[in-house]
């Protein structure tokens, strides 16, 4: 991709770096989604009833929308998309099962949709975790990208900001001057926490209510690091 390149960071895994200089306000990257979960994806009422019977309570409809999109994809296409993304390894770090992110993508939820769509629950769970860890908000829904989903997180000032365009692209815009070779960063915390102090943002990112802990994701930058 012109202007950016992936590289294997010794601490953060596969990351994205600038291949040239970018001025503040300049578009760093523009690309179409690998996978799009539209906000208007219909969740059949029968699926919600099935979830209730399985004692799932009321899991977010966003998770069901994602599961239904994944389940509708051809297995080879789904597999090729997942190969481009980081997937949190629950077996390697069982503590992830206590995070909100995992509970929203639990095997019970994946199992319910798998029963509805006749897809293997473990494969569906892998896809749900991948989208949870890599997706950007996109036109009211969610989307993952070949390059844009490889950004490292920072609780300090990121050097890029993600935005969607009216013509269906995802864009990274430089929010500071970026030099050739710089690690490209963003923030994964919710918009309402962006103005919090760095320690407060670290807690939002790594606390028990976080999507995943900073130790779990190859994309997460050390929250205390200076950029």
Protein backbone atom coordinates (compact mmCIF):
# COMPACT_ATOMS: atom_id res chain seq x y z
CA UNK A 1 0.00 0.00 0.00
CA UNK A 2 1.45 3.35 -1.06
CA UNK A 3 2.55 5.50 1.87
CA UNK A 4 2.45 2.77 4.52
CA UNK A 5 3.90 -0.68 5.12
CA UNK A 6 3.46 -3.51 7.61
CA UNK A 7 6.31 -4.79 9.73
CA UNK A 8 6.84 -7.24 12.57
CA UNK A 9 7.29 -5.28 15.78
CA UNK A 10 9.16 -7.30 18.46
CA UNK A 11 6.62 -6.35 21.13
CA UNK A 12 3.38 -5.47 19.36
CA UNK A 13 3.27 -8.00 16.50
CA UNK A 14 2.27 -6.98 12.98
CA UNK A 15 1.99 -3.20 12.89
CA UNK A 16 1.76 -0.38 10.38
CA UNK A 17 4.42 2.29 9.75
CA UNK A 18 4.72 5.32 7.50
CA UNK A 19 6.73 4.85 4.30
CA UNK A 20 6.93 8.61 3.76
CA UNK A 21 6.39 11.86 5.66
CA UNK A 22 2.83 13.08 6.31
CA UNK A 23 1.78 16.56 7.40
CA UNK A 24 -0.94 17.08 9.99
CA UNK A 25 -4.34 16.78 8.32
CA UNK A 26 -3.05 14.71 5.38
CA UNK A 27 -4.74 11.41 4.45
CA UNK A 28 -2.35 8.60 5.35
CA UNK A 29 -4.40 5.69 4.07
CA UNK A 30 -7.68 5.10 2.21
CA UNK A 31 -9.05 1.60 1.67
CA UNK A 32 -12.21 -0.46 1.28
CA UNK A 33 -13.24 -2.78 4.15
CA UNK A 34 -12.25 -6.44 4.13
CA UNK A 35 -15.46 -7.18 5.99
CA UNK A 36 -18.42 -4.89 6.67
CA UNK A 37 -21.14 -5.40 9.26
CA UNK A 38 -23.90 -2.94 8.31
CA UNK A 39 -25.86 -1.30 11.09
CA UNK A 40 -29.12 -2.45 9.52
CA UNK A 41 -28.20 -6.18 9.44
CA UNK A 42 -31.43 -7.90 10.45
CA UNK A 43 -31.31 -10.11 13.55
CA UNK A 44 -34.19 -12.62 13.27
CA UNK A 45 -36.45 -12.61 16.35
CA UNK A 46 -36.20 -16.41 16.43
CA UNK A 47 -32.45 -16.09 17.03
CA UNK A 48 -33.05 -13.83 20.02
CA UNK A 49 -35.57 -16.37 21.36
CA UNK A 50 -32.98 -19.14 20.91
CA UNK A 51 -30.45 -17.06 22.82
CA UNK A 52 -32.92 -16.55 25.66
CA UNK A 53 -33.55 -20.29 25.86
CA UNK A 54 -29.81 -20.83 26.17
CA UNK A 55 -29.72 -18.45 29.15
CA UNK A 56 -27.71 -15.85 27.29
CA UNK A 57 -29.68 -12.94 28.67
CA UNK A 58 -29.65 -10.01 26.23
CA UNK A 59 -26.28 -9.98 24.43
CA UNK A 60 -25.67 -6.93 22.22
CA UNK A 61 -27.39 -7.09 18.85
CA UNK A 62 -24.09 -5.84 17.36
CA UNK A 63 -22.53 -9.21 18.22
CA UNK A 64 -25.37 -11.08 16.55
CA UNK A 65 -25.11 -8.88 13.46
CA UNK A 66 -21.41 -9.68 13.20
CA UNK A 67 -22.04 -13.39 13.71
CA UNK A 68 -24.71 -13.46 11.01
CA UNK A 69 -22.43 -11.70 8.51
CA UNK A 70 -19.60 -14.13 9.28
CA UNK A 71 -21.92 -17.12 9.04
CA UNK A 72 -23.19 -15.98 5.63
CA UNK A 73 -19.68 -15.81 4.14
CA UNK A 74 -18.13 -18.65 2.14
CA UNK A 75 -15.70 -20.50 4.47
CA UNK A 76 -12.73 -19.82 2.18
CA UNK A 77 -13.51 -16.09 2.05
CA UNK A 78 -13.98 -15.91 5.81
CA UNK A 79 -10.69 -17.77 6.34
CA UNK A 80 -8.79 -15.40 4.03
CA UNK A 81 -10.18 -12.38 5.92
CA UNK A 82 -9.24 -13.80 9.32
CA UNK A 83 -5.67 -14.46 8.14
CA UNK A 84 -5.24 -10.70 7.78
CA UNK A 85 -6.36 -10.00 11.37
CA UNK A 86 -5.11 -10.45 14.90
CA UNK A 87 -7.22 -12.96 16.87
CA UNK A 88 -6.98 -12.89 20.70
CA UNK A 89 -5.68 -16.28 21.87
CA UNK A 90 -7.99 -17.45 24.65
CA UNK A 91 -6.05 -20.69 25.16
CA UNK A 92 -2.78 -18.79 25.67
CA UNK A 93 -4.35 -16.19 27.99
CA UNK A 94 -7.41 -17.64 29.81
CA UNK A 95 -7.83 -14.39 31.77
CA UNK A 96 -9.36 -12.90 28.61
CA UNK A 97 -12.53 -14.84 29.43
CA UNK A 98 -13.17 -12.32 32.21
CA UNK A 99 -13.19 -9.32 29.88
CA UNK A 100 -16.35 -7.74 28.56
CA UNK A 101 -15.09 -8.25 25.01
CA UNK A 102 -14.88 -12.02 25.41
CA UNK A 103 -18.19 -12.34 27.22
CA UNK A 104 -19.93 -10.51 24.38
CA UNK A 105 -18.40 -13.00 21.93
CA UNK A 106 -18.75 -16.03 24.20
CA UNK A 107 -19.02 -19.59 22.96
CA UNK A 108 -22.63 -19.58 24.09
CA UNK A 109 -23.47 -16.68 21.74
CA UNK A 110 -21.42 -18.17 18.93
CA UNK A 111 -23.07 -21.53 19.59
CA UNK A 112 -26.54 -20.05 19.30
CA UNK A 113 -25.81 -18.47 15.92
CA UNK A 114 -23.96 -21.60 14.82
CA UNK A 115 -27.07 -23.64 15.58
CA UNK A 116 -29.15 -21.15 13.62
CA UNK A 117 -26.81 -21.04 10.61
CA UNK A 118 -25.26 -24.54 10.78
CA UNK A 119 -21.72 -23.22 11.17
CA UNK A 120 -19.04 -24.55 13.54
CA UNK A 121 -19.23 -22.62 16.82
CA UNK A 122 -15.45 -22.47 17.38
CA UNK A 123 -14.84 -20.96 13.96
CA UNK A 124 -17.58 -18.43 14.52
CA UNK A 125 -16.16 -17.50 17.92
CA UNK A 126 -12.74 -16.95 16.31
CA UNK A 127 -14.34 -14.58 13.80
CA UNK A 128 -16.25 -12.69 16.49
CA UNK A 129 -13.09 -12.19 18.55
CA UNK A 130 -11.18 -11.03 15.46
CA UNK A 131 -13.82 -8.41 14.62
CA UNK A 132 -14.05 -7.31 18.26
CA UNK A 133 -10.28 -6.79 18.42
CA UNK A 134 -9.81 -5.17 14.99
CA UNK A 135 -12.99 -3.37 13.90
CA UNK A 136 -13.50 0.34 13.40
CA UNK A 137 -16.92 1.96 13.70
CA UNK A 138 -18.14 2.40 10.13
CA UNK A 139 -21.34 4.12 8.95
CA UNK A 140 -23.13 3.11 12.13
CA UNK A 141 -21.90 -0.48 11.85
CA UNK A 142 -18.44 -2.04 11.98
CA UNK A 143 -15.68 -2.81 9.49
CA UNK A 144 -12.24 -4.40 9.46
CA UNK A 145 -9.45 -3.47 7.05
CA UNK A 146 -6.33 -5.10 5.64
CA UNK A 147 -4.13 -2.20 6.74
CA UNK A 148 -6.25 0.06 8.91
CA UNK A 149 -6.88 -2.75 11.39
CA UNK A 150 -3.15 -3.14 12.07
CA UNK A 151 -2.76 0.14 13.94
CA UNK A 152 -1.13 0.06 17.36
CA UNK A 153 -3.09 1.53 20.26
CA UNK A 154 -1.71 4.26 22.49
CA UNK A 155 -3.26 5.90 25.56
CA UNK A 156 -1.11 8.95 24.81
CA UNK A 157 -1.68 11.20 21.79
CA UNK A 158 -2.13 9.00 18.67
CA UNK A 159 -0.72 10.20 15.36
CA UNK A 160 -3.74 9.17 13.25
CA UNK A 161 -7.51 9.25 13.46
CA UNK A 162 -9.90 6.94 11.61
CA UNK A 163 -12.90 8.23 9.64
CA UNK A 164 -15.28 6.76 7.09
CA UNK A 165 -16.09 8.46 3.80
CA UNK A 166 -19.36 8.89 1.93
CA UNK A 167 -18.08 6.66 -0.88
CA UNK A 168 -17.56 3.63 1.38
CA UNK A 169 -13.86 3.91 2.25
CA UNK A 170 -12.07 3.97 5.56
CA UNK A 171 -9.45 6.70 5.97
CA UNK A 172 -6.59 7.37 8.34
CA UNK A 173 -5.87 11.07 8.77
CA UNK A 174 -2.66 12.38 10.37
CA UNK A 175 -3.42 14.32 13.55
CA UNK A 176 0.25 15.23 14.01
CA UNK A 177 3.20 15.51 11.63
CA UNK A 178 4.39 11.97 10.88
CA UNK A 179 7.90 11.10 9.79
CA UNK A 180 8.94 8.27 7.49
CA UNK A 181 9.36 5.12 9.59
CA UNK A 182 7.07 6.23 12.45
CA UNK A 183 4.79 3.64 14.01
CA UNK A 184 1.19 4.54 13.15
CA UNK A 185 -1.04 4.69 16.21
CA UNK A 186 -4.64 5.29 17.16
CA UNK A 187 -6.78 4.97 20.26
CA UNK A 188 -9.26 2.16 20.77
CA UNK A 189 -11.06 3.76 23.69
CA UNK A 190 -14.53 5.26 23.36
CA UNK A 191 -14.85 8.86 22.20
CA UNK A 192 -16.19 10.04 25.57
CA UNK A 193 -12.92 9.00 27.28
CA UNK A 194 -10.53 10.69 24.82
CA UNK A 195 -10.23 13.85 26.95
CA UNK A 196 -9.47 11.90 30.14
CA UNK A 197 -5.98 11.93 31.65
CA UNK A 198 -3.54 9.30 30.39
CA UNK A 199 -3.80 7.21 33.62
CA UNK A 200 -7.60 7.28 33.35
CA UNK A 201 -7.46 6.22 29.70
CA UNK A 202 -5.07 3.40 30.60
CA UNK A 203 -7.61 2.12 33.11
CA UNK A 204 -10.41 2.28 30.55
CA UNK A 205 -8.26 0.31 28.11
CA UNK A 206 -6.84 -2.32 30.48
CA UNK A 207 -9.40 -2.54 33.30
CA UNK A 208 -11.84 -5.38 33.82
CA UNK A 209 -14.46 -3.72 31.64
CA UNK A 210 -12.11 -3.35 28.67
CA UNK A 211 -12.66 -5.23 25.44
CA UNK A 212 -9.33 -7.03 25.88
CA UNK A 213 -6.32 -6.41 28.10
CA UNK A 214 -3.22 -4.77 26.69
CA UNK A 215 -1.28 -8.02 27.17
CA UNK A 216 -3.71 -9.88 24.92
CA UNK A 217 -3.41 -7.91 21.72
CA UNK A 218 -0.48 -7.80 19.33
CA UNK A 219 -1.83 -4.44 18.22
CA UNK A 220 -1.73 -2.71 21.61
CA UNK A 221 0.99 -0.19 22.30
CA UNK A 222 2.38 0.15 25.84
CA UNK A 223 -0.02 2.64 27.47
CA UNK A 224 2.80 4.31 29.38
CA UNK A 225 5.11 4.76 26.43
CA UNK A 226 5.97 8.19 25.10
CA UNK A 227 5.28 8.74 21.43
